[in-house]
């Protein structure tokens, strides 16, 4: 059951990630788009590097029980959801012709 929940959460999270860079670009003024795009990719890359290491530590701490990742993953998803609730901006800018 938890695997199905995580698959659904993964699909939902992919839909959020598709829109995250455009949201970052819409939140900043035009002069700082490059800076914030770089920061976006920096933190995305850091997460991609840290994620497998954290999962490896969880597996080692649980005596090589790979199922423990499926128990800890929802906690990280809930933490990410709480952080995303804090985002109050990011709507598209109104463009006047």
N, C-alpha and C. Protein backbone atom coordinates (compact mmCIF):
# COMPACT_ATOMS: atom_id res chain seq x y z
N UNK A 1 0.83 -1.20 0.00
CA UNK A 1 0.00 0.00 0.00
C UNK A 1 0.87 1.26 0.00
N UNK A 2 1.92 1.24 0.81
CA UNK A 2 2.76 2.43 0.89
C UNK A 2 3.51 2.67 -0.42
N UNK A 3 3.84 1.60 -1.13
CA UNK A 3 4.50 1.73 -2.43
C UNK A 3 3.60 2.44 -3.44
N UNK A 4 2.32 2.10 -3.45
CA UNK A 4 1.37 2.78 -4.34
C UNK A 4 1.23 4.25 -3.97
N UNK A 5 1.20 4.54 -2.69
CA UNK A 5 1.11 5.93 -2.22
C UNK A 5 2.35 6.71 -2.66
N UNK A 6 3.52 6.10 -2.53
CA UNK A 6 4.74 6.76 -2.94
C UNK A 6 4.81 6.96 -4.46
N UNK A 7 4.29 6.01 -5.22
CA UNK A 7 4.27 6.18 -6.68
C UNK A 7 3.38 7.36 -7.06
N UNK A 8 2.23 7.45 -6.44
CA UNK A 8 1.34 8.58 -6.71
C UNK A 8 1.96 9.90 -6.28
N UNK A 9 2.63 9.88 -5.14
CA UNK A 9 3.31 11.09 -4.67
C UNK A 9 4.45 11.48 -5.60
N UNK A 10 5.15 10.49 -6.12
CA UNK A 10 6.24 10.77 -7.06
C UNK A 10 5.73 11.42 -8.34
N UNK A 11 4.61 10.94 -8.83
CA UNK A 11 4.02 11.54 -10.03
C UNK A 11 3.58 12.96 -9.75
N UNK A 12 2.94 13.18 -8.59
CA UNK A 12 2.52 14.53 -8.22
C UNK A 12 3.73 15.45 -8.05
N UNK A 13 4.79 14.93 -7.45
CA UNK A 13 5.98 15.75 -7.25
C UNK A 13 6.64 16.08 -8.59
N UNK A 14 6.59 15.18 -9.54
CA UNK A 14 7.13 15.47 -10.88
C UNK A 14 6.36 16.62 -11.53
N UNK A 15 5.05 16.65 -11.35
CA UNK A 15 4.25 17.74 -11.89
C UNK A 15 4.62 19.07 -11.23
N UNK A 16 4.96 19.06 -9.96
CA UNK A 16 5.40 20.28 -9.28
C UNK A 16 6.76 20.69 -9.80
N UNK A 17 7.67 19.75 -9.96
CA UNK A 17 9.02 20.08 -10.42
C UNK A 17 9.03 20.66 -11.83
N UNK A 18 8.12 20.24 -12.66
CA UNK A 18 8.04 20.78 -14.02
C UNK A 18 7.81 22.28 -13.97
N UNK A 19 7.02 22.73 -13.02
CA UNK A 19 6.66 24.13 -12.93
C UNK A 19 7.53 24.93 -11.98
N UNK A 20 8.51 24.34 -11.34
CA UNK A 20 9.27 25.06 -10.33
C UNK A 20 10.22 26.10 -10.92
N UNK A 21 10.93 25.79 -12.00
CA UNK A 21 11.82 26.79 -12.59
C UNK A 21 11.03 27.98 -13.16
N UNK A 22 9.95 27.77 -13.91
CA UNK A 22 9.17 28.95 -14.34
C UNK A 22 8.66 29.78 -13.16
N UNK A 23 8.33 29.12 -12.05
CA UNK A 23 7.87 29.86 -10.87
C UNK A 23 9.00 30.72 -10.31
N UNK A 24 10.21 30.17 -10.26
CA UNK A 24 11.36 30.93 -9.77
C UNK A 24 11.60 32.13 -10.68
N UNK A 25 11.55 31.92 -11.99
CA UNK A 25 11.78 33.00 -12.95
C UNK A 25 10.72 34.09 -12.80
N UNK A 26 9.47 33.71 -12.56
CA UNK A 26 8.40 34.69 -12.41
C UNK A 26 8.49 35.47 -11.11
N UNK A 27 9.19 34.93 -10.11
CA UNK A 27 9.27 35.59 -8.81
C UNK A 27 10.31 36.70 -8.74
N UNK A 28 11.27 36.73 -9.65
CA UNK A 28 12.37 37.69 -9.55
C UNK A 28 12.29 38.71 -10.68
N UNK A 29 12.93 39.85 -10.44
CA UNK A 29 12.98 40.85 -11.51
C UNK A 29 13.93 40.38 -12.60
N UNK A 30 13.78 40.94 -13.77
CA UNK A 30 14.51 40.46 -14.95
C UNK A 30 16.02 40.51 -14.77
N UNK A 31 16.53 41.47 -14.01
CA UNK A 31 17.99 41.61 -13.85
C UNK A 31 18.60 40.47 -13.04
N UNK A 32 17.80 39.74 -12.29
CA UNK A 32 18.33 38.68 -11.42
C UNK A 32 17.91 37.27 -11.84
N UNK A 33 17.35 37.13 -13.02
CA UNK A 33 16.88 35.81 -13.47
C UNK A 33 18.05 34.81 -13.53
N UNK A 34 19.18 35.23 -14.05
CA UNK A 34 20.33 34.33 -14.17
C UNK A 34 20.83 33.86 -12.82
N UNK A 35 20.88 34.77 -11.84
CA UNK A 35 21.33 34.41 -10.49
C UNK A 35 20.41 33.37 -9.87
N UNK A 36 19.13 33.60 -9.95
CA UNK A 36 18.19 32.69 -9.31
C UNK A 36 18.06 31.38 -10.07
N UNK A 37 18.24 31.41 -11.39
CA UNK A 37 18.26 30.16 -12.16
C UNK A 37 19.47 29.32 -11.74
N UNK A 38 20.62 29.97 -11.56
CA UNK A 38 21.81 29.26 -11.09
C UNK A 38 21.61 28.66 -9.72
N UNK A 39 21.00 29.44 -8.81
CA UNK A 39 20.73 28.91 -7.46
C UNK A 39 19.76 27.74 -7.52
N UNK A 40 18.75 27.84 -8.38
CA UNK A 40 17.80 26.75 -8.54
C UNK A 40 18.51 25.46 -8.95
N UNK A 41 19.38 25.56 -9.96
CA UNK A 41 20.10 24.37 -10.43
C UNK A 41 21.13 23.89 -9.41
N UNK A 42 21.74 24.81 -8.66
CA UNK A 42 22.69 24.41 -7.62
C UNK A 42 22.01 23.54 -6.58
N UNK A 43 20.88 24.02 -6.06
CA UNK A 43 20.20 23.26 -5.02
C UNK A 43 19.55 21.99 -5.55
N UNK A 44 19.10 22.00 -6.80
CA UNK A 44 18.57 20.77 -7.40
C UNK A 44 19.66 19.71 -7.52
N UNK A 45 20.85 20.15 -7.93
CA UNK A 45 21.96 19.22 -8.06
C UNK A 45 22.41 18.72 -6.69
N UNK A 46 22.46 19.61 -5.70
CA UNK A 46 22.84 19.18 -4.35
C UNK A 46 21.86 18.14 -3.81
N UNK A 47 20.57 18.31 -4.10
CA UNK A 47 19.58 17.32 -3.66
C UNK A 47 19.79 15.99 -4.37
N UNK A 48 20.13 16.04 -5.66
CA UNK A 48 20.38 14.81 -6.41
C UNK A 48 21.62 14.09 -5.90
N UNK A 49 22.58 14.83 -5.37
CA UNK A 49 23.79 14.22 -4.82
C UNK A 49 23.52 13.68 -3.42
N UNK A 50 22.81 14.44 -2.61
CA UNK A 50 22.59 14.05 -1.21
C UNK A 50 21.57 12.92 -1.07
N UNK A 51 20.57 12.88 -1.94
CA UNK A 51 19.49 11.89 -1.82
C UNK A 51 19.97 10.44 -1.76
N UNK A 52 20.75 9.99 -2.72
CA UNK A 52 21.22 8.60 -2.67
C UNK A 52 22.10 8.31 -1.44
N UNK A 53 22.88 9.30 -1.02
CA UNK A 53 23.71 9.10 0.17
C UNK A 53 22.86 8.96 1.42
N UNK A 54 21.84 9.78 1.55
CA UNK A 54 20.95 9.68 2.71
C UNK A 54 20.22 8.34 2.70
N UNK A 55 19.76 7.92 1.52
CA UNK A 55 19.11 6.60 1.44
C UNK A 55 20.08 5.49 1.82
N UNK A 56 21.34 5.59 1.40
CA UNK A 56 22.33 4.59 1.79
C UNK A 56 22.55 4.55 3.28
N UNK A 57 22.60 5.73 3.92
CA UNK A 57 22.76 5.77 5.38
C UNK A 57 21.57 5.14 6.08
N UNK A 58 20.36 5.41 5.56
CA UNK A 58 19.16 4.83 6.16
C UNK A 58 19.22 3.30 6.06
N UNK A 59 19.64 2.79 4.92
CA UNK A 59 19.75 1.34 4.74
C UNK A 59 20.80 0.76 5.68
N UNK A 60 21.94 1.42 5.81
CA UNK A 60 22.98 0.93 6.72
C UNK A 60 22.51 0.96 8.17
N UNK A 61 21.84 2.02 8.58
CA UNK A 61 21.38 2.13 9.97
C UNK A 61 20.28 1.11 10.30
N UNK A 62 19.58 0.65 9.27
CA UNK A 62 18.50 -0.32 9.51
C UNK A 62 18.96 -1.76 9.26
N UNK A 63 20.26 -2.00 9.32
CA UNK A 63 20.79 -3.35 9.13
C UNK A 63 20.49 -3.91 7.74
N UNK A 64 20.73 -3.12 6.73
CA UNK A 64 20.54 -3.50 5.32
C UNK A 64 19.10 -3.89 4.99
N UNK A 65 18.16 -3.21 5.65
CA UNK A 65 16.75 -3.42 5.37
C UNK A 65 16.31 -2.36 4.35
N UNK A 66 16.24 -2.74 3.09
CA UNK A 66 15.91 -1.80 2.03
C UNK A 66 14.47 -1.30 2.13
N UNK A 67 13.62 -2.02 2.80
CA UNK A 67 12.24 -1.58 2.99
C UNK A 67 12.16 -0.33 3.87
N UNK A 68 13.18 -0.08 4.65
CA UNK A 68 13.16 1.09 5.53
C UNK A 68 13.12 2.40 4.74
N UNK A 69 13.65 2.37 3.51
CA UNK A 69 13.58 3.57 2.66
C UNK A 69 12.12 3.91 2.37
N UNK A 70 11.30 2.89 2.16
CA UNK A 70 9.88 3.12 1.88
C UNK A 70 9.14 3.64 3.11
N UNK A 71 9.68 3.44 4.28
CA UNK A 71 9.05 3.96 5.48
C UNK A 71 9.49 5.39 5.78
N UNK A 72 10.71 5.73 5.38
CA UNK A 72 11.24 7.07 5.65
C UNK A 72 10.85 8.06 4.55
N UNK A 73 10.67 7.58 3.33
CA UNK A 73 10.35 8.45 2.19
C UNK A 73 9.11 9.32 2.43
N UNK A 74 8.03 8.79 3.01
CA UNK A 74 6.88 9.67 3.26
C UNK A 74 7.21 10.82 4.20
N UNK A 75 8.12 10.62 5.12
CA UNK A 75 8.51 11.72 6.01
C UNK A 75 9.17 12.85 5.24
N UNK A 76 10.03 12.49 4.29
CA UNK A 76 10.66 13.51 3.45
C UNK A 76 9.62 14.19 2.55
N UNK A 77 8.67 13.44 2.05
CA UNK A 77 7.61 14.02 1.22
C UNK A 77 6.76 15.00 2.02
N UNK A 78 6.45 14.64 3.25
CA UNK A 78 5.67 15.53 4.11
C UNK A 78 6.47 16.80 4.42
N UNK A 79 7.77 16.63 4.69
CA UNK A 79 8.63 17.80 4.93
C UNK A 79 8.66 18.72 3.73
N UNK A 80 8.76 18.15 2.52
CA UNK A 80 8.76 18.96 1.30
C UNK A 80 7.42 19.66 1.11
N UNK A 81 6.34 18.97 1.42
CA UNK A 81 5.02 19.58 1.30
C UNK A 81 4.87 20.76 2.25
N UNK A 82 5.35 20.61 3.46
CA UNK A 82 5.30 21.71 4.43
C UNK A 82 6.10 22.90 3.93
N UNK A 83 7.28 22.66 3.37
CA UNK A 83 8.09 23.75 2.84
C UNK A 83 7.41 24.41 1.64
N UNK A 84 6.75 23.64 0.79
CA UNK A 84 6.07 24.23 -0.37
C UNK A 84 4.84 25.05 0.03
N UNK A 85 4.22 24.71 1.16
CA UNK A 85 3.09 25.51 1.64
C UNK A 85 3.53 26.92 2.00
N UNK A 86 4.81 27.09 2.29
CA UNK A 86 5.32 28.41 2.63
C UNK A 86 5.49 29.32 1.43
N UNK A 87 5.39 28.79 0.22
CA UNK A 87 5.55 29.60 -0.99
C UNK A 87 4.26 30.37 -1.22
N UNK A 88 4.37 31.69 -1.23
CA UNK A 88 3.17 32.52 -1.39
C UNK A 88 3.16 33.32 -2.69
N UNK A 89 4.24 33.23 -3.46
CA UNK A 89 4.33 33.96 -4.71
C UNK A 89 4.70 33.01 -5.82
N UNK A 90 4.78 33.52 -7.02
CA UNK A 90 5.20 32.70 -8.14
C UNK A 90 4.20 32.66 -9.27
N UNK A 91 3.15 33.48 -9.16
CA UNK A 91 2.18 33.54 -10.24
C UNK A 91 2.81 34.26 -11.43
N UNK A 92 2.29 33.99 -12.60
CA UNK A 92 2.81 34.62 -13.80
C UNK A 92 2.64 36.13 -13.75
N UNK A 93 3.62 36.83 -14.30
CA UNK A 93 3.56 38.29 -14.36
C UNK A 93 2.58 38.71 -15.44
N UNK A 94 1.94 39.83 -15.20
CA UNK A 94 1.02 40.38 -16.20
C UNK A 94 1.86 41.15 -17.22
N UNK A 95 1.73 40.77 -18.48
CA UNK A 95 2.49 41.42 -19.54
C UNK A 95 1.55 42.37 -20.28
N UNK A 96 1.97 43.63 -20.35
CA UNK A 96 1.17 44.61 -21.09
C UNK A 96 1.80 44.83 -22.45
N UNK A 97 0.98 44.88 -23.46
CA UNK A 97 1.50 45.01 -24.83
C UNK A 97 1.77 46.44 -25.22
